[in-house]
Amino acid sequence: MIDPHAPAPPGSPPSWGGPRGPETPARLPVRPAVGRFLVLAGVFVCAACGLVYELELVALASYLIGDSVTQASVVLSVMVFAMGLGSLAAKRLRGLAAAGFGALEAALALVGGSSAMLLYAVFAWTGGWGGLWADGPRILLVAFSLAIGVLIGAEVPLLMELIQRVRRQDPGGAVADLFAADYVGALVGGLAFPFVLLPFLGQLTGALLTGTVNALVGAALVLGLFRRDLTRRARWLLLTANAVVLALLATATVLADDFERAARHAMYGQDVRVAVRTDVQEVVVTGDADGRPLHLYLDGRLRVRADDERRFHEALVHPAMSGPHARVLVLGGGDGLAVREVLRHPGVRRVDVVEADPGLARLARQDPGLSALNEHAYGDARVRLVTGDAFHRLRSTPSAAYDVVISDLPDPGATASTKLYSLEFYGLLRRVLAPDGRLAVHAGPDAARPRAFWTVDATLRAAGLPAAAYRVGARDPGAAPGPDRAAAGLRASRGWGFLLAARTAPAPRLDPAAPRPRTLTPGSLARAARDAARTRIPGLPPSTLVHPRY
């Protein structure tokens, strides 16, 4: 009779551990082939959940903190590093693979499922407006990336142990089977996040549901398939731990809508009037009641302040309209405010608006406060709205199609906007401009970010569009729109910088035949050009698609 605890004889296959000894297979309630399939199915689901956690952190961090490239790099690099640590740490649990895997999945479900809600809470109540906890969201992002990465990394050694306990096979074949299921699960999770979870459930509920699935599958695999390998006490502890995790996730799911409303009020104040998630971004409108000015936020960043926006839009539009302006193209500007200023000029026959977010344009047309602010610009028969990517739209636009192009886009510091400030993009704009056409570009605050501002200037010049710079100060420097939500970033902006470009260097001036702007005069425009010139940084290289420099 063979003692299962005796040392393996020389030449025997390597031990795969387990509480029942190196050569003892798991006592399964099903046939080994079925057990092996169930383990691989568990690998598939766990891999899908792990990738959803990863993408959830990237998406939420990009929305809350900004600069999607940086946030994705931080999350991915930290998580991959942590996965290596988790794999090393799991070596100590191989002898208790079933119990260790069950506890691991319960912890991963709780941490991963709650990560989005906790990160959002820290941003809303501590980190969103600067101060002592201004770096709270970034610290928590790294902490969650580390914790989730360690737990995901520990899964593979334990699953390798379990699949060998079901039916022994050569290590190479076991690794191939395991990673095939893991990679296919990652594919499904990666596709489910943008096409199912995010649009239908949202970031918070999607993460909580993923954690619930993770906990259920982990508990079912261990307590159903490997329950005979666990002591009675271990089974009860694992069952209790999963019940607590599921109860917490279920409670958070029920309260998710109330939590989101409370967090939104913490960020935007108590007078949130409209909050919608379009296919592109979150749009929030506050104020416009009881004497409070309307504010428009896009993905948490202030884009319009009703009592100050006219200074921005008049400075952006009116200098470019000094000359032929029958055909005008507005890039961005879905709020309709730049279009409002364009329509004030006599002789405008057609205004094409290219806006990436149809939901924003629909709100600008239908919301009483916003439509009143833009003076019902979308109701004018001369205005035609086209939704889609401005870059692709310009590629199909005929040459010399427009007399004026107004680029009312987010600052180049926002990663999603970088390609719309590239040499290639300005080359397309030069092609669609009439020979005597003019291009006005919102290029960010020249005083706070002079290098980015003058890089836009260098890029325009490289595209054959020499530009004249000018700037306009905000009435309330602390409320100037910009890509940074932190109050410190808003205070540093102190206004807006613009570039007026054409095939020959233009001089910013106002059309004497047009209605007089409310906030801009020829004298203030001349001073704005002199002020901007003092911040010039010469010799900067242009920004391109493959080498962005913002």
Protein backbone atom coordinates (compact mmCIF):
# COMPACT_ATOMS: atom_id res chain seq x y z
CA MET A 1 0.00 0.00 0.00
CA ILE A 2 1.39 3.39 -1.02
CA ASP A 3 1.68 6.09 1.62
CA PRO A 4 0.45 9.34 0.00
CA HIS A 5 2.68 11.34 2.32
CA ALA A 6 5.84 9.44 1.51
CA PRO A 7 8.52 11.22 -0.53
CA ALA A 8 8.20 10.79 -4.29
CA PRO A 9 10.58 8.21 -5.77
CA PRO A 10 13.49 9.39 -7.94
CA GLY A 11 12.47 10.17 -11.51
CA SER A 12 8.83 10.79 -10.62
CA PRO A 13 7.02 13.85 -12.06
CA PRO A 14 7.42 17.13 -10.14
CA SER A 15 5.06 17.80 -7.26
CA TRP A 16 2.16 20.19 -7.73
CA GLY A 17 1.45 20.52 -4.02
CA GLY A 18 -2.01 20.50 -2.48
CA PRO A 19 -3.10 19.50 1.00
CA ARG A 20 -3.61 15.89 0.03
CA GLY A 21 -0.05 15.26 -1.16
CA PRO A 22 1.78 15.54 -4.47
CA GLU A 23 0.26 12.54 -6.19
CA THR A 24 -3.25 12.57 -4.79
CA PRO A 25 -5.87 13.98 -7.19
CA ALA A 26 -8.66 16.15 -5.89
CA ARG A 27 -11.80 14.32 -4.78
CA LEU A 28 -14.27 15.85 -7.23
CA PRO A 29 -18.05 15.47 -7.34
CA VAL A 30 -17.82 15.23 -11.17
CA ARG A 31 -15.70 13.39 -13.72
CA PRO A 32 -12.18 14.82 -14.25
CA ALA A 33 -12.99 16.00 -17.78
CA VAL A 34 -15.97 17.99 -16.49
CA GLY A 35 -13.93 19.30 -13.58
CA ARG A 36 -11.17 20.47 -15.90
CA PHE A 37 -13.72 22.27 -18.09
CA LEU A 38 -15.20 24.00 -15.03
CA VAL A 39 -11.77 25.19 -13.87
CA LEU A 40 -11.02 26.62 -17.33
CA ALA A 41 -14.46 28.27 -17.37
CA GLY A 42 -13.59 29.86 -14.01
CA VAL A 43 -10.30 31.08 -15.50
CA PHE A 44 -12.25 32.61 -18.38
CA VAL A 45 -14.65 34.53 -16.11
CA CYS A 46 -11.96 35.68 -13.70
CA ALA A 47 -9.83 36.99 -16.55
CA ALA A 48 -12.78 38.91 -17.96
CA CYS A 49 -13.49 40.47 -14.57
CA GLY A 50 -9.84 41.38 -14.07
CA LEU A 51 -9.66 43.25 -17.35
CA VAL A 52 -12.89 45.10 -16.59
CA TYR A 53 -11.37 46.33 -13.30
CA GLU A 54 -8.32 47.51 -15.20
CA LEU A 55 -10.30 49.37 -17.87
CA GLU A 56 -12.62 50.83 -15.24
CA LEU A 57 -9.68 52.40 -13.41
CA VAL A 58 -8.26 53.82 -16.65
CA ALA A 59 -11.61 55.28 -17.74
CA LEU A 60 -12.53 56.77 -14.38
CA ALA A 61 -9.05 58.19 -13.80
CA SER A 62 -9.07 59.81 -17.24
CA TYR A 63 -12.45 61.39 -16.49
CA LEU A 64 -11.63 62.54 -12.96
CA ILE A 65 -7.96 63.48 -13.28
CA GLY A 66 -7.56 64.11 -17.03
CA ASP A 67 -4.74 63.24 -19.48
CA SER A 68 -5.85 59.76 -20.52
CA VAL A 69 -2.42 58.71 -21.81
CA THR A 70 -0.76 59.38 -18.45
CA GLN A 71 -3.51 57.70 -16.44
CA ALA A 72 -3.53 54.62 -18.69
CA SER A 73 0.26 54.37 -18.42
CA VAL A 74 0.14 54.63 -14.63
CA VAL A 75 -2.61 52.03 -14.22
CA LEU A 76 -1.19 49.52 -16.69
CA SER A 77 2.44 49.75 -15.58
CA VAL A 78 1.63 49.59 -11.85
CA MET A 79 -0.84 46.75 -12.36
CA VAL A 80 1.55 44.61 -14.43
CA PHE A 81 4.29 45.15 -11.87
CA ALA A 82 1.89 44.18 -9.07
CA MET A 83 0.85 41.04 -10.96
CA GLY A 84 4.45 39.89 -10.77
CA LEU A 85 4.46 40.46 -7.03
CA GLY A 86 1.19 38.56 -6.70
CA SER A 87 2.55 35.58 -8.61
CA LEU A 88 5.54 35.37 -6.28
CA ALA A 89 3.37 35.73 -3.18
CA ALA A 90 1.03 32.95 -4.36
CA LYS A 91 3.85 30.39 -4.14
CA ARG A 92 3.23 30.18 -0.40
CA LEU A 93 -0.44 29.28 -0.99
CA ARG A 94 0.06 26.42 -3.42
CA GLY A 95 -0.33 23.85 -0.67
CA LEU A 96 -3.78 25.29 0.08
CA ALA A 97 -4.72 26.13 -3.49
CA ALA A 98 -8.50 25.71 -3.20
CA ALA A 99 -8.92 27.70 0.02
CA GLY A 100 -6.40 30.29 -1.12
CA PHE A 101 -8.12 30.80 -4.46
CA GLY A 102 -11.52 31.17 -2.80
CA ALA A 103 -10.26 33.81 -0.38
CA LEU A 104 -8.39 35.54 -3.19
CA GLU A 105 -11.50 35.86 -5.38
CA ALA A 106 -13.59 37.20 -2.50
CA ALA A 107 -10.96 39.89 -1.85
CA LEU A 108 -10.61 40.71 -5.55
CA ALA A 109 -14.38 41.01 -5.97
CA LEU A 110 -14.61 43.44 -3.04
CA VAL A 111 -11.60 45.56 -3.99
CA GLY A 112 -12.24 45.60 -7.75
CA GLY A 113 -15.99 46.00 -7.47
CA SER A 114 -15.80 48.94 -5.07
CA SER A 115 -12.81 50.64 -6.69
CA ALA A 116 -14.81 52.96 -8.96
CA MET A 117 -17.14 54.10 -6.19
CA LEU A 118 -14.34 54.77 -3.72
CA LEU A 119 -12.21 56.61 -6.27
CA TYR A 120 -15.20 58.76 -7.24
CA ALA A 121 -15.96 59.45 -3.57
CA VAL A 122 -12.41 60.59 -2.79
CA PHE A 123 -12.44 62.85 -5.84
CA ALA A 124 -15.83 64.34 -5.05
CA TRP A 125 -15.36 64.99 -1.34
CA THR A 126 -11.62 65.56 -0.96
CA GLY A 127 -9.55 65.75 -4.11
CA GLY A 128 -11.65 67.51 -6.69
CA TRP A 129 -11.12 71.06 -5.51
CA GLY A 130 -7.52 71.08 -4.36
CA GLY A 131 -6.24 71.64 -0.84
CA LEU A 132 -4.62 69.10 1.45
CA TRP A 133 -6.19 66.13 -0.34
CA ALA A 134 -5.64 67.39 -3.88
CA ASP A 135 -3.55 64.28 -4.70
CA GLY A 136 -6.03 61.90 -3.04
CA PRO A 137 -7.46 60.52 -6.31
CA ARG A 138 -3.99 59.89 -7.74
CA ILE A 139 -2.81 58.15 -4.56
CA LEU A 140 -5.93 56.00 -4.45
CA LEU A 141 -5.57 55.17 -8.16
CA VAL A 142 -2.07 53.79 -7.58
CA ALA A 143 -3.23 51.94 -4.45
CA PHE A 144 -6.09 50.22 -6.28
CA SER A 145 -3.83 49.39 -9.24
CA LEU A 146 -1.36 47.76 -6.85
CA ALA A 147 -3.98 45.83 -4.88
CA ILE A 148 -5.92 44.58 -7.91
CA GLY A 149 -2.69 43.71 -9.74
CA VAL A 150 -1.39 41.65 -6.79
CA LEU A 151 -4.68 39.73 -6.53
CA ILE A 152 -4.89 39.07 -10.27
CA GLY A 153 -1.27 37.97 -10.40
CA ALA A 154 -1.84 35.48 -7.59
CA GLU A 155 -4.68 33.79 -9.51
CA VAL A 156 -2.56 32.03 -12.12
CA PRO A 157 -0.28 29.93 -9.84
CA LEU A 158 -3.27 28.80 -7.79
CA LEU A 159 -5.35 27.96 -10.86
CA MET A 160 -2.38 26.06 -12.27
CA GLU A 161 -2.30 24.03 -9.09
CA LEU A 162 -6.04 23.35 -9.22
CA ILE A 163 -6.12 22.28 -12.86
CA GLN A 164 -3.29 19.84 -12.20
CA ARG A 165 -5.14 18.48 -9.19
CA VAL A 166 -8.13 17.69 -11.42
CA ARG A 167 -6.16 15.78 -14.03
CA ARG A 168 -2.40 15.74 -14.28
CA GLN A 169 -0.84 16.66 -17.59
CA ASP A 170 2.51 17.90 -18.77
CA PRO A 171 3.26 21.40 -17.48
CA GLY A 172 3.52 22.87 -20.99
CA GLY A 173 0.06 21.65 -21.93
CA ALA A 174 -1.45 22.85 -18.66
CA VAL A 175 0.07 26.32 -19.12
CA ALA A 176 -1.23 26.49 -22.70
CA ASP A 177 -4.77 25.57 -21.66
CA LEU A 178 -4.74 27.96 -18.74
CA PHE A 179 -3.49 30.94 -20.69
CA ALA A 180 -5.78 30.24 -23.64
CA ALA A 181 -8.79 30.50 -21.34
CA ASP A 182 -7.26 33.56 -19.64
CA TYR A 183 -6.64 35.44 -22.90
CA VAL A 184 -10.07 34.66 -24.35
CA GLY A 185 -11.68 35.85 -21.11
CA ALA A 186 -9.65 39.05 -21.28
CA LEU A 187 -10.92 39.60 -24.82
CA VAL A 188 -14.53 39.22 -23.71
CA GLY A 189 -14.03 41.52 -20.71
CA GLY A 190 -12.27 44.10 -22.86
CA LEU A 191 -15.15 44.18 -25.34
CA ALA A 192 -17.89 44.01 -22.73
CA PHE A 193 -16.65 47.10 -20.90
CA PRO A 194 -17.05 49.74 -23.67
CA PHE A 195 -19.96 48.11 -25.51
CA VAL A 196 -22.13 46.74 -22.68
CA LEU A 197 -21.15 47.73 -19.15
CA LEU A 198 -20.27 51.39 -19.69
CA PRO A 199 -23.20 52.44 -21.93
CA PHE A 200 -25.93 50.40 -20.20
CA LEU A 201 -24.83 50.30 -16.56
CA GLY A 202 -22.37 53.14 -16.12
CA GLN A 203 -19.01 53.10 -14.41
CA LEU A 204 -20.15 52.56 -10.83
CA THR A 205 -22.82 49.89 -11.33
CA GLY A 206 -20.71 48.17 -13.99
CA ALA A 207 -17.81 47.72 -11.58
CA LEU A 208 -20.11 46.53 -8.78
CA LEU A 209 -21.79 43.97 -11.06
CA THR A 210 -18.40 42.72 -12.21
CA GLY A 211 -17.35 42.22 -8.61
CA THR A 212 -20.55 40.30 -7.93
CA VAL A 213 -19.92 37.94 -10.85
CA ASN A 214 -16.31 37.53 -9.73
CA ALA A 215 -17.35 36.54 -6.19
CA LEU A 216 -20.08 34.14 -7.35
CA VAL A 217 -17.83 32.30 -9.81
CA GLY A 218 -14.91 32.06 -7.38
CA ALA A 219 -17.11 30.74 -4.58
CA ALA A 220 -18.96 28.32 -6.87
CA LEU A 221 -15.73 26.89 -8.25
CA VAL A 222 -14.15 26.27 -4.85
CA LEU A 223 -17.20 25.34 -2.76
CA GLY A 224 -18.78 23.32 -5.56
CA LEU A 225 -15.84 21.57 -7.19
CA PHE A 226 -13.16 21.44 -4.46
CA ARG A 227 -15.29 21.43 -1.30
CA ARG A 228 -13.97 17.99 -0.26
CA ASP A 229 -10.46 19.48 -0.09
CA LEU A 230 -11.59 21.98 2.55
CA THR A 231 -12.20 21.43 6.21
CA ARG A 232 -15.66 22.13 7.55
CA ARG A 233 -14.36 25.30 9.23
CA ALA A 234 -12.71 26.49 6.00
CA ARG A 235 -15.93 25.96 4.06
CA TRP A 236 -17.93 28.04 6.54
CA LEU A 237 -15.33 30.80 6.65
CA LEU A 238 -15.25 30.99 2.85
CA LEU A 239 -19.02 30.91 2.61
CA THR A 240 -19.36 33.67 5.21
CA ALA A 241 -16.70 35.84 3.56
CA ASN A 242 -18.40 35.60 0.17
CA ALA A 243 -21.81 36.29 1.68
CA VAL A 244 -20.45 39.47 3.28
CA VAL A 245 -18.81 40.56 0.03
CA LEU A 246 -21.98 39.93 -1.98
CA ALA A 247 -24.08 41.77 0.59
CA LEU A 248 -21.76 44.79 0.47
CA LEU A 249 -21.72 44.85 -3.33
CA ALA A 250 -25.50 44.45 -3.52
CA THR A 251 -26.03 47.27 -1.04
CA ALA A 252 -23.66 49.53 -2.95
CA THR A 253 -25.48 48.70 -6.19
CA VAL A 254 -28.85 49.64 -4.71
CA LEU A 255 -27.42 52.92 -3.39
CA ALA A 256 -25.34 53.72 -6.50
CA ASP A 257 -27.79 56.26 -7.95
CA ASP A 258 -28.19 58.10 -4.63
CA PHE A 259 -24.43 58.05 -4.13
CA GLU A 260 -23.81 59.45 -7.61
CA ARG A 261 -26.27 62.29 -7.01
CA ALA A 262 -24.65 63.12 -3.67
CA ALA A 263 -21.16 63.07 -5.21
CA ARG A 264 -22.34 65.24 -8.09
CA HIS A 265 -23.73 67.79 -5.65
CA ALA A 266 -20.45 67.72 -3.74
CA MET A 267 -18.57 68.56 -6.94
CA TYR A 268 -20.96 70.98 -8.63
CA GLY A 269 -23.02 72.36 -5.75
CA GLN A 270 -26.66 71.88 -4.89
CA ASP A 271 -28.12 73.57 -7.98
CA VAL A 272 -27.45 70.79 -10.52
CA ARG A 273 -30.25 71.15 -13.05
CA VAL A 274 -29.21 68.75 -15.82
CA ALA A 275 -26.89 65.75 -15.57
CA VAL A 276 -26.78 63.38 -18.54
CA ARG A 277 -24.30 60.83 -19.81
CA THR A 278 -24.14 61.08 -23.60
CA ASP A 279 -22.35 58.63 -25.86
CA VAL A 280 -19.25 60.84 -25.59
CA GLN A 281 -19.12 62.47 -22.16
CA GLU A 282 -20.96 63.54 -19.02
CA VAL A 283 -22.78 66.86 -19.43
CA VAL A 284 -23.82 68.80 -16.33
CA VAL A 285 -25.69 72.11 -16.25
CA THR A 286 -25.99 74.05 -13.01
CA GLY A 287 -27.57 77.37 -12.10
CA ASP A 288 -29.86 79.45 -14.34
CA ALA A 289 -32.34 79.78 -11.47
CA ASP A 290 -32.77 82.12 -8.50
CA GLY A 291 -30.24 84.51 -9.97
CA ARG A 292 -27.42 81.96 -10.18
CA PRO A 293 -25.49 82.00 -13.49
CA LEU A 294 -25.60 78.97 -15.74
CA HIS A 295 -22.52 76.74 -15.72
CA LEU A 296 -21.86 74.00 -18.25
CA TYR A 297 -19.45 71.18 -17.33
CA LEU A 298 -18.19 68.55 -19.76
CA ASP A 299 -16.64 65.50 -18.09
CA GLY A 300 -16.23 67.48 -14.91
CA ARG A 301 -14.46 70.43 -16.52
CA LEU A 302 -16.02 73.88 -16.57
CA ARG A 303 -16.62 74.88 -20.19
CA VAL A 304 -19.19 77.69 -19.96
CA ARG A 305 -19.86 80.27 -17.26
CA ALA A 306 -22.82 82.37 -18.34
CA ASP A 307 -21.65 85.60 -16.74
CA ASP A 308 -18.21 85.39 -18.37
CA GLU A 309 -18.58 83.31 -21.55
CA ARG A 310 -19.23 86.29 -23.82
CA ARG A 311 -15.68 87.55 -23.28
CA PHE A 312 -14.39 84.21 -24.55
CA HIS A 313 -16.69 83.76 -27.54
CA GLU A 314 -16.52 87.34 -28.77
CA ALA A 315 -12.72 87.21 -28.68
CA LEU A 316 -12.70 83.87 -30.50
CA VAL A 317 -15.14 84.79 -33.27
CA HIS A 318 -15.15 88.52 -34.06
CA PRO A 319 -11.50 89.04 -35.16
CA ALA A 320 -11.83 86.14 -37.62
CA MET A 321 -15.01 87.62 -39.14
CA SER A 322 -13.23 90.80 -40.26
CA GLY A 323 -13.24 90.06 -43.98
CA PRO A 324 -15.24 87.72 -46.25
CA HIS A 325 -17.39 85.48 -44.05
CA ALA A 326 -20.25 84.10 -46.14
CA ARG A 327 -19.27 80.48 -45.43
CA VAL A 328 -18.24 79.63 -41.87
CA LEU A 329 -17.14 76.36 -40.27
CA VAL A 330 -17.29 75.95 -36.48
CA LEU A 331 -15.31 73.03 -35.05
CA GLY A 332 -16.61 71.98 -31.66
CA GLY A 333 -18.82 74.62 -30.11
CA GLY A 334 -21.75 72.27 -29.62
CA ASP A 335 -23.12 74.66 -27.00
CA GLY A 336 -24.04 77.06 -29.83
CA LEU A 337 -22.35 80.08 -28.27
CA ALA A 338 -19.71 80.56 -30.98
CA VAL A 339 -22.47 80.13 -33.58
CA ARG A 340 -24.42 82.89 -31.84
CA GLU A 341 -21.54 85.31 -32.38
CA VAL A 342 -21.07 84.23 -36.00
CA LEU A 343 -24.74 84.91 -36.78
CA ARG A 344 -24.45 88.47 -35.50
CA HIS A 345 -22.44 89.38 -38.62
CA PRO A 346 -24.31 90.44 -41.74
CA GLY A 347 -23.49 88.55 -44.92
CA VAL A 348 -23.28 85.08 -43.32
CA ARG A 349 -24.99 82.64 -45.66
CA ARG A 350 -24.03 79.28 -44.18
CA VAL A 351 -22.64 77.99 -40.88
CA ASP A 352 -21.54 74.36 -40.60
CA VAL A 353 -20.98 73.05 -37.06
CA VAL A 354 -18.94 69.87 -36.59
CA GLU A 355 -19.55 68.59 -33.06
CA ALA A 356 -18.37 65.22 -31.74
CA ASP A 357 -21.20 64.94 -29.21
CA PRO A 358 -24.74 65.04 -30.64
CA GLY A 359 -26.12 64.92 -27.09
CA LEU A 360 -24.49 68.25 -26.25
CA ALA A 361 -25.87 69.88 -29.40
CA ARG A 362 -29.33 68.48 -28.63
CA LEU A 363 -29.15 69.92 -25.12
CA ALA A 364 -28.04 73.31 -26.52
CA ARG A 365 -31.10 73.28 -28.75
CA GLN A 366 -33.69 72.05 -26.21
CA ASP A 367 -32.58 73.19 -22.74
CA PRO A 368 -34.33 76.49 -21.92
CA GLY A 369 -31.34 78.03 -20.15
CA LEU A 370 -28.68 77.01 -22.65
CA SER A 371 -30.81 77.77 -25.73
CA ALA A 372 -31.60 81.20 -24.31
CA LEU A 373 -27.90 81.80 -23.73
CA ASN A 374 -27.03 80.89 -27.33
CA GLU A 375 -30.05 82.92 -28.54
CA HIS A 376 -31.56 79.85 -30.22
CA ALA A 377 -28.69 79.67 -32.69
CA TYR A 378 -29.58 76.16 -33.84
CA GLY A 379 -33.01 77.39 -34.89
CA ASP A 380 -31.47 79.57 -37.63
CA ALA A 381 -31.98 78.10 -41.11
CA ARG A 382 -28.40 78.94 -42.07
CA VAL A 383 -26.95 76.63 -39.42
CA ARG A 384 -26.27 72.99 -40.27
CA LEU A 385 -25.08 70.58 -37.58
CA VAL A 386 -22.84 67.64 -38.47
CA THR A 387 -21.90 65.21 -35.71
CA GLY A 388 -18.69 63.25 -35.84
CA ASP A 389 -14.92 63.55 -35.65
CA ALA A 390 -13.61 66.86 -37.02
CA PHE A 391 -10.46 65.25 -38.40
CA HIS A 392 -12.34 62.75 -40.53
CA ARG A 393 -14.90 65.35 -41.57
CA LEU A 394 -12.21 67.66 -42.96
CA ARG A 395 -10.71 64.88 -45.06
CA SER A 396 -13.92 64.72 -47.09
CA THR A 397 -14.46 68.50 -47.30
CA PRO A 398 -13.81 70.16 -50.68
CA SER A 399 -10.94 72.60 -51.06
CA ALA A 400 -11.56 76.30 -50.39
CA ALA A 401 -15.01 75.52 -48.97
CA TYR A 402 -14.98 78.11 -46.17
CA ASP A 403 -14.12 81.74 -45.70
CA VAL A 404 -13.77 81.43 -41.91
CA VAL A 405 -13.01 78.49 -39.62
CA ILE A 406 -13.61 78.82 -35.86
CA SER A 407 -11.82 76.18 -33.78
CA ASP A 408 -13.77 76.12 -30.49
CA LEU A 409 -12.12 72.98 -29.11
CA PRO A 410 -10.81 71.98 -25.66
CA ASP A 411 -7.27 73.05 -24.81
CA PRO A 412 -4.43 71.11 -26.47
CA GLY A 413 -3.43 69.96 -22.98
CA ALA A 414 -6.38 67.55 -23.03
CA THR A 415 -5.13 64.30 -24.56
CA ALA A 416 -8.28 63.69 -26.59
CA SER A 417 -7.78 67.06 -28.32
CA THR A 418 -4.11 66.68 -29.19
CA LYS A 419 -4.68 65.43 -32.74
CA LEU A 420 -6.90 68.46 -33.42
CA TYR A 421 -3.89 70.70 -32.76
CA SER A 422 -1.48 68.75 -34.97
CA LEU A 423 0.39 69.71 -38.14
CA GLU A 424 -1.68 67.23 -40.12
CA PHE A 425 -4.95 68.71 -38.88
CA TYR A 426 -3.91 72.26 -39.69
CA GLY A 427 -2.83 71.08 -43.13
CA LEU A 428 -6.41 69.92 -43.71
CA LEU A 429 -7.73 73.26 -42.43
CA ARG A 430 -5.46 75.17 -44.80
CA ARG A 431 -6.86 73.15 -47.70
CA VAL A 432 -10.51 73.89 -46.86
CA LEU A 433 -9.89 77.61 -46.33
CA ALA A 434 -10.49 80.03 -49.18
CA PRO A 435 -7.32 81.84 -50.37
CA ASP A 436 -8.20 84.88 -48.25
CA GLY A 437 -9.81 82.84 -45.46
CA ARG A 438 -9.00 83.09 -41.77
CA LEU A 439 -8.76 80.58 -38.96
CA ALA A 440 -9.34 81.38 -35.28
CA VAL A 441 -7.99 78.88 -32.74
CA HIS A 442 -8.58 78.66 -29.00
CA ALA A 443 -5.09 77.56 -27.93
CA GLY A 444 -5.34 77.55 -24.14
CA PRO A 445 -4.04 80.08 -21.60
CA ASP A 446 -0.82 81.62 -22.88
CA ALA A 447 0.24 82.83 -19.43
CA ALA A 448 -0.32 79.59 -17.51
CA ARG A 449 0.86 77.21 -20.24
CA PRO A 450 2.97 79.29 -22.62
CA ARG A 451 4.87 76.35 -24.08
CA ALA A 452 1.68 74.60 -25.19
CA PHE A 453 0.23 77.87 -26.52
CA TRP A 454 3.27 78.75 -28.61
CA THR A 455 3.58 75.16 -29.83
CA VAL A 456 0.16 75.66 -31.42
CA ASP A 457 1.56 78.79 -33.06
CA ALA A 458 4.62 76.89 -34.34
CA THR A 459 2.39 74.12 -35.68
CA LEU A 460 0.18 76.59 -37.56
CA ARG A 461 3.23 78.23 -39.11
CA ALA A 462 4.62 74.84 -40.16
CA ALA A 463 1.29 74.17 -41.91
CA GLY A 464 1.59 77.42 -43.88
CA LEU A 465 -0.74 79.43 -41.66
CA PRO A 466 1.21 82.20 -39.87
CA ALA A 467 -0.73 83.46 -36.88
CA ALA A 468 -1.19 86.50 -34.68
CA ALA A 469 -1.66 85.88 -30.96
CA TYR A 470 -3.95 87.69 -28.54
CA ARG A 471 -5.39 87.01 -25.11
CA VAL A 472 -8.45 87.86 -23.05
CA GLY A 473 -8.61 87.80 -19.27
CA ALA A 474 -11.49 86.18 -17.43
CA ARG A 475 -13.67 88.37 -15.24
CA ASP A 476 -13.27 85.81 -12.45
CA PRO A 477 -9.81 84.18 -12.87
CA GLY A 478 -10.79 81.31 -10.62
CA ALA A 479 -13.63 80.29 -12.92
CA ALA A 480 -11.86 80.25 -16.27
CA PRO A 481 -12.61 77.08 -18.23
CA GLY A 482 -9.70 74.73 -18.78
CA PRO A 483 -8.76 71.06 -18.85
CA ASP A 484 -7.80 70.95 -15.17
CA ARG A 485 -10.60 70.51 -12.59
CA ALA A 486 -8.41 71.34 -9.63
CA ALA A 487 -8.95 74.82 -8.30
CA ALA A 488 -5.24 75.56 -8.45
CA GLY A 489 -5.24 74.84 -12.16
CA LEU A 490 -8.26 77.10 -12.70
CA ARG A 491 -6.71 79.97 -10.77
CA ALA A 492 -3.53 79.67 -12.81
CA SER A 493 -5.40 79.97 -16.13
CA ARG A 494 -6.56 83.58 -15.58
CA GLY A 495 -8.09 83.77 -19.07
CA TRP A 496 -7.80 82.51 -22.60
CA GLY A 497 -5.31 82.68 -25.44
CA PHE A 498 -6.19 82.78 -29.15
CA LEU A 499 -4.41 82.60 -32.49
CA LEU A 500 -5.72 84.20 -35.69
CA ALA A 501 -4.14 82.50 -38.71
CA ALA A 502 -4.26 82.90 -42.50
CA ARG A 503 -2.07 82.22 -45.54
CA THR A 504 -0.49 85.63 -44.96
CA ALA A 505 0.06 86.90 -41.43
CA PRO A 506 -3.17 88.63 -40.31
CA ALA A 507 -3.60 91.50 -37.88
CA PRO A 508 -6.40 91.06 -35.32
CA ARG A 509 -9.06 93.72 -35.87
CA LEU A 510 -12.82 94.13 -35.70
CA ASP A 511 -15.13 94.52 -38.68
CA PRO A 512 -16.44 98.11 -38.54
CA ALA A 513 -19.56 97.07 -40.46
CA ALA A 514 -20.52 94.40 -37.90
CA PRO A 515 -22.45 94.98 -34.67
CA ARG A 516 -20.16 96.17 -31.91
CA PRO A 517 -19.14 93.40 -29.46
CA ARG A 518 -20.13 93.93 -25.84
CA THR A 519 -16.76 93.07 -24.29
CA LEU A 520 -14.23 93.75 -27.06
CA THR A 521 -13.04 97.03 -28.59
CA PRO A 522 -10.32 97.79 -31.16
CA GLY A 523 -8.20 99.23 -28.36
CA SER A 524 -8.60 96.24 -26.04
CA LEU A 525 -7.87 93.88 -28.94
CA ALA A 526 -4.62 95.70 -29.71
CA ARG A 527 -3.60 95.52 -26.05
CA ALA A 528 -4.53 91.81 -26.02
CA ALA A 529 -2.14 91.18 -28.92
CA ARG A 530 0.71 93.08 -27.20
CA ASP A 531 0.15 91.19 -23.92
CA ALA A 532 0.24 87.82 -25.66
CA ALA A 533 3.41 88.69 -27.58
CA ARG A 534 5.31 89.14 -24.30
CA THR A 535 4.91 85.43 -23.48
CA ARG A 536 6.32 84.19 -26.80
CA ILE A 537 8.70 81.21 -26.70
CA PRO A 538 10.63 81.10 -30.00
CA GLY A 539 12.08 78.06 -31.70
CA LEU A 540 9.51 75.46 -30.67
CA PRO A 541 9.01 72.47 -32.98
CA PRO A 542 5.53 71.71 -34.37
CA SER A 543 3.29 69.00 -32.94
CA THR A 544 2.39 66.06 -35.19
CA LEU A 545 0.18 63.01 -34.91
CA VAL A 546 3.11 60.69 -34.23
CA HIS A 547 5.01 63.18 -32.07
CA PRO A 548 2.55 65.22 -29.97
CA ARG A 549 4.29 67.96 -27.99
CA TYR A 550 1.54 69.31 -25.74
